[in-house]
Protein backbone atom coordinates (compact mmCIF):
# COMPACT_ATOMS: atom_id res chain seq x y z
CA LYS A 1 140.81 159.94 52.76
CA GLN A 2 137.06 160.29 53.36
CA ALA A 3 136.12 158.80 49.99
CA ILE A 4 138.27 155.65 50.31
CA ASP A 5 137.57 154.65 53.91
CA ASP A 6 136.69 150.96 54.10
CA ARG A 7 136.55 150.86 57.90
CA GLY A 8 133.26 150.21 59.60
CA THR A 9 132.13 151.92 62.79
CA ALA A 10 134.07 149.40 64.88
CA GLY A 11 137.23 149.94 62.81
CA ARG A 12 137.08 153.70 63.21
CA ALA A 13 136.36 153.38 66.93
CA SER A 14 139.38 151.09 67.39
CA ARG A 15 141.54 153.61 65.47
CA ARG A 16 142.46 151.01 62.85
CA ILE A 17 144.51 152.92 60.30
CA SER A 18 142.75 153.93 57.10
CA ARG A 19 143.96 152.88 53.65
CA VAL A 20 144.57 156.58 53.03
CA ALA A 21 146.79 157.75 55.86
CA PHE A 22 149.84 159.76 56.82
CA GLY A 23 151.46 156.68 58.34
CA THR A 24 152.09 155.11 61.73
CA GLY A 25 155.61 156.19 62.62
CA TRP A 26 159.09 157.08 61.36
CA THR A 27 160.62 154.51 59.04
CA ARG A 28 163.72 153.08 60.71
CA SER A 29 164.90 150.15 58.61
CA GLY A 30 163.97 151.03 55.01
CA PRO A 31 161.16 150.62 52.46
CA LEU A 32 160.56 146.94 53.25
CA GLU A 33 159.13 148.13 56.56
CA LEU A 34 156.49 150.16 54.70
CA LEU A 35 155.57 147.36 52.31
CA GLU A 36 155.23 144.90 55.19
CA GLU A 37 153.04 147.35 57.10
CA SER A 38 150.61 147.66 54.21
CA VAL A 39 150.26 143.88 54.02
CA ARG A 40 149.89 143.51 57.79
CA LEU A 41 147.32 146.26 58.31
CA HIS A 42 145.03 145.84 55.30
CA GLU A 43 143.23 142.89 53.76
CA PRO A 44 143.50 142.43 49.98
CA VAL A 45 140.71 144.10 48.03
CA LEU A 46 141.28 141.84 45.01
CA PRO A 47 142.67 138.46 46.18
CA VAL A 48 144.22 137.58 42.82
CA VAL A 49 147.20 135.20 42.85
CA GLY A 50 149.52 135.12 39.84
CA PRO A 51 151.44 132.11 38.49
CA GLU A 52 154.90 133.45 39.36
CA ARG A 53 157.02 131.85 42.10
CA PRO A 54 159.33 134.75 43.06
CA LEU A 55 161.99 132.72 44.90
CA ASP A 56 162.26 130.26 42.01
CA ARG A 57 162.78 133.12 39.60
CA LEU A 58 165.52 134.57 41.77
CA GLY A 59 167.13 131.15 42.07
CA ARG A 60 167.26 130.80 38.29
CA GLY A 61 168.82 134.26 37.96
CA ASP A 62 166.00 135.17 35.60
CA GLY A 63 165.73 138.84 36.55
CA VAL A 64 163.73 140.29 39.40
CA PRO A 65 160.28 138.94 40.29
CA ALA A 66 157.21 140.92 39.29
CA LEU A 67 155.57 140.46 42.72
CA GLU A 68 152.20 141.03 41.08
CA GLU A 69 150.19 140.35 44.25
CA LEU A 70 152.19 142.87 46.30
CA ARG A 71 151.99 145.54 43.59
CA LEU A 72 148.25 145.01 43.23
CA HIS A 73 147.82 145.32 46.98
CA GLN A 74 149.99 148.46 47.13
CA GLY A 75 147.65 149.94 44.54
CA THR A 76 144.87 149.84 47.16
CA VAL A 77 146.84 151.48 50.01
CA TRP A 78 147.52 155.19 49.69
CA ARG A 79 150.12 156.62 52.05
CA TRP A 80 150.97 160.28 51.49
CA ASN A 81 154.56 159.14 50.95
CA ARG A 82 154.22 155.69 49.41
CA ALA A 83 156.97 153.14 48.75
CA ILE A 84 156.58 151.55 45.30
CA TYR A 85 158.28 148.38 44.05
CA ASP A 86 158.49 148.14 40.25
CA PRO A 87 160.20 145.33 38.27
CA ALA A 88 160.73 147.65 35.25
CA ASP A 89 164.29 148.42 34.10
CA GLY A 90 165.82 145.66 36.18
CA GLY A 91 163.72 146.43 39.25
CA HIS A 92 163.65 149.53 41.43
CA LEU A 93 162.10 151.13 44.48
CA ARG A 94 160.77 154.67 44.42
CA ILE A 95 158.87 157.02 46.70
CA GLU A 96 155.58 158.39 45.43
CA MET A 97 155.21 161.84 47.02
CA ARG A 98 151.46 162.21 46.87
CA ALA A 99 151.37 165.22 49.18
CA LEU A 100 152.66 167.58 46.48
CA PRO A 101 149.81 169.97 45.61
CA ALA A 102 148.61 170.30 42.04
CA GLY A 103 149.11 173.66 40.35
CA PRO A 104 147.70 176.04 39.81
CA SER A 105 150.50 176.88 37.34
CA VAL A 106 153.40 174.80 36.04
CA VAL A 107 155.94 177.09 37.69
CA ASP A 108 154.12 176.73 41.02
CA MET A 109 154.33 172.96 40.73
CA LEU A 110 158.03 173.09 39.87
CA ALA A 111 158.63 175.38 42.84
CA ASN A 112 156.74 173.03 45.16
CA ALA A 113 158.80 170.08 43.97
CA ALA A 114 162.07 172.00 44.29
CA PHE A 115 161.26 173.03 47.86
CA LEU A 116 160.28 169.51 48.93
CA LEU A 117 163.14 167.70 47.20
CA GLY A 118 165.72 170.26 48.28
CA LEU A 119 164.66 169.90 51.90
CA THR A 120 164.57 166.12 51.61
CA ARG A 121 168.11 165.98 50.24
CA ALA A 122 169.42 168.40 52.84
CA LEU A 123 167.70 166.86 55.87
CA ALA A 124 168.18 163.17 54.99
CA PRO A 125 171.75 162.80 56.37
CA GLY A 126 170.61 163.96 59.82
CA ALA A 127 167.20 162.28 59.74
CA ALA A 128 167.97 159.82 62.54
CA ALA A 129 168.91 162.62 64.94
CA THR A 130 165.97 164.80 63.87
CA THR A 131 163.36 162.09 64.33
CA ARG A 132 164.62 161.37 67.84
CA ARG A 133 163.69 164.93 68.80
CA PHE A 134 160.68 165.41 66.54
CA ALA A 135 157.78 163.09 67.32
CA PHE A 136 155.95 161.48 64.43
CA GLN A 137 152.69 162.73 65.97
CA GLN A 138 153.95 166.30 65.55
CA ALA A 139 154.63 165.71 61.86
CA HIS A 140 151.17 164.14 61.52
CA HIS A 141 149.60 167.17 63.21
CA ASN A 142 151.59 169.55 60.98
CA PHE A 143 150.46 167.80 57.81
CA TYR A 144 146.75 168.00 58.52
CA ARG A 145 146.91 171.54 59.93
CA ALA A 146 148.71 172.69 56.79
CA ALA A 147 146.11 170.94 54.62
CA GLN A 148 143.28 172.56 56.56
CA PHE A 149 144.63 176.08 57.06
CA GLY A 150 147.32 176.52 54.40
CA LEU A 151 149.66 179.41 55.11
CA ASP A 152 147.52 180.33 58.15
CA ALA A 153 148.60 177.12 59.90
CA GLU A 154 150.86 177.08 62.95
CA LEU A 155 153.42 174.30 62.71
CA ALA A 156 156.00 172.65 64.98
CA TRP A 157 159.61 172.35 63.84
CA PRO A 158 163.01 171.77 65.52
CA LEU A 159 164.80 174.99 64.58
CA ALA A 160 168.23 174.14 66.02
CA PRO A 161 170.17 170.86 65.62
CA SER A 162 169.78 170.04 69.30
CA GLY A 163 166.74 172.14 70.17
CA ARG A 164 163.18 171.16 70.94
CA PRO A 165 160.44 171.81 68.37
CA ARG A 166 158.93 175.30 68.39
CA ILE A 167 155.60 176.50 67.03
CA LEU A 168 155.84 178.91 64.10
CA ALA A 169 153.43 180.46 61.63
CA ALA A 170 153.71 178.60 58.32
CA PRO A 171 155.19 181.58 56.39
CA ASP A 172 157.89 182.01 59.05
CA LEU A 173 158.78 178.32 58.89
CA VAL A 174 158.96 178.49 55.09
CA ARG A 175 161.39 181.42 55.27
CA HIS A 176 163.47 179.56 57.84
CA LEU A 177 163.72 176.45 55.64
CA LEU A 178 164.39 178.12 52.27
CA PRO A 179 168.20 178.29 52.68
CA THR A 180 168.24 174.61 53.66
CA ALA A 181 166.21 173.68 50.58
CA ARG A 182 168.50 175.73 48.35
CA GLN A 183 171.59 174.02 49.75
CA GLY A 184 170.02 170.61 49.17
CA LEU A 185 169.27 171.43 45.54
CA GLU A 186 172.73 172.80 44.86
CA ASP A 187 174.37 169.78 46.50
CA ALA A 188 172.29 167.59 44.16
CA GLY A 189 173.70 169.43 41.15
CA VAL A 190 170.95 171.96 40.47
CA LEU A 191 172.34 175.24 39.15
CA ALA A 192 172.28 177.95 41.81
CA GLU A 193 170.41 180.30 39.46
CA GLU A 194 167.71 177.73 38.76
CA ALA A 195 167.33 176.80 42.43
CA GLY A 196 167.08 180.47 43.40
CA GLU A 197 164.49 181.18 40.72
CA LEU A 198 162.21 178.33 41.81
CA LEU A 199 162.56 178.95 45.53
CA SER A 200 161.85 182.66 45.03
CA VAL A 201 158.34 181.58 43.99
CA ILE A 202 157.90 179.83 47.34
CA GLU A 203 159.27 182.86 49.19
CA ALA A 204 156.94 185.28 47.39
CA ARG A 205 153.94 183.02 47.92
CA ALA A 206 154.64 182.79 51.65
CA ALA A 207 155.03 186.58 51.86
CA SER A 208 151.79 187.29 49.98
CA GLY A 209 149.70 184.44 51.40
CA HIS A 210 148.45 184.01 47.84
CA THR A 211 147.97 180.28 47.15
CA GLY A 212 145.68 178.73 44.56
CA SER A 213 142.97 177.96 47.10
CA ALA A 214 143.30 181.40 48.71
CA TRP A 215 142.91 183.03 45.29
CA GLN A 216 139.77 181.02 44.57
CA ARG A 217 138.16 181.96 47.89
CA LEU A 218 139.03 185.65 47.59
CA ALA A 219 137.85 185.70 43.99
CA LEU A 220 134.54 184.12 44.90
CA ALA A 221 134.04 186.55 47.79
CA SER A 222 134.69 189.44 45.38
CA LEU A 223 132.42 188.22 42.59
CA GLU A 224 129.47 186.70 44.46
CA PRO A 225 127.88 189.97 45.69
CA LYS A 226 127.74 191.22 42.11
CA LEU A 227 126.94 188.06 40.18
CA GLY A 228 125.30 185.64 42.59
CA ARG A 229 126.71 182.28 43.63
CA GLU A 230 126.32 180.29 40.41
CA ARG A 231 127.60 182.96 38.00
CA ALA A 232 130.40 183.89 40.40
CA LEU A 233 131.66 180.30 40.48
CA ALA A 234 131.66 180.17 36.68
CA ALA A 235 133.43 183.54 36.40
CA MET A 236 136.01 182.55 38.99
CA LEU A 237 136.80 179.32 37.16
CA GLU A 238 136.98 181.05 33.78
CA GLN A 239 139.47 183.64 35.01
CA TYR A 240 141.40 181.00 36.98
CA LEU A 241 141.99 179.12 33.74
CA GLU A 242 142.98 182.31 31.93
CA HIS A 243 145.62 183.08 34.55
CA GLN A 244 146.80 179.48 34.52
CA ARG A 245 147.44 179.64 30.77
CA THR A 246 149.75 182.63 31.22
CA GLY A 247 152.18 180.42 33.13
CA GLN A 248 152.66 183.05 35.82
CA PRO A 249 152.84 181.89 39.47
CA VAL A 250 149.68 182.30 41.50
CA HIS A 251 151.07 184.94 43.88
CA THR A 252 151.15 187.37 40.91
CA TRP A 253 147.53 186.83 39.88
CA PRO A 254 145.17 189.79 40.30
CA LEU A 255 141.72 189.16 41.72
CA PRO A 256 139.03 188.78 39.03
CA GLN A 257 136.62 191.51 38.03
CA ALA A 258 132.93 191.06 37.24
CA ARG A 259 132.37 191.26 33.47
């Protein structure tokens, strides 16, 4: 977000939304709303116009239009959940979930995806009712607090179907939401054993507080007094990669030892 901020001082002062942003509000009518917002709020970076006339192509029944200008523009606007139009395979819309963290192990990434997608599937049918009670600004605040503080964050969430949002420690909220995520996965056809195995990684991580970034910080704090800053960083990275290659989830990793 800081690296790709094309707003000047006046733009930041007026709170004009950045090209990298959480969003402006709950989506009410569908993905077209998000595509229109990107066009309305941001000027084209590369004003290239292709030869295609989309309405003519639709009128001829010659497949779906490529919408090259829109796709190029969408490639310069980075919402954390981004709607993507793609003419491939007869045309489709998809959601790019950019907020999913990377690693540190493959099983951690699978667990992250299972937790997010399970919750999404389970909560989607009641989304209209939930968003009436849960302000978009609270979700925005949650997202950036979680990014800043990880499992030490305190987050708002509506615990009961008709209740007001309450503030919980992130590990407590994770434990509260795990059964919902599991139900969403199973309803989508995921085997109960597989869903349980992946979500157990999330549960253990929340209980231990041992995330990839937490491991790096603890490792550096352990190694730096013995090795100095530069050698400690190298040793931390070397052992981080060794643990990553084992395929074990990060909550099982021991802290590194000076060699």
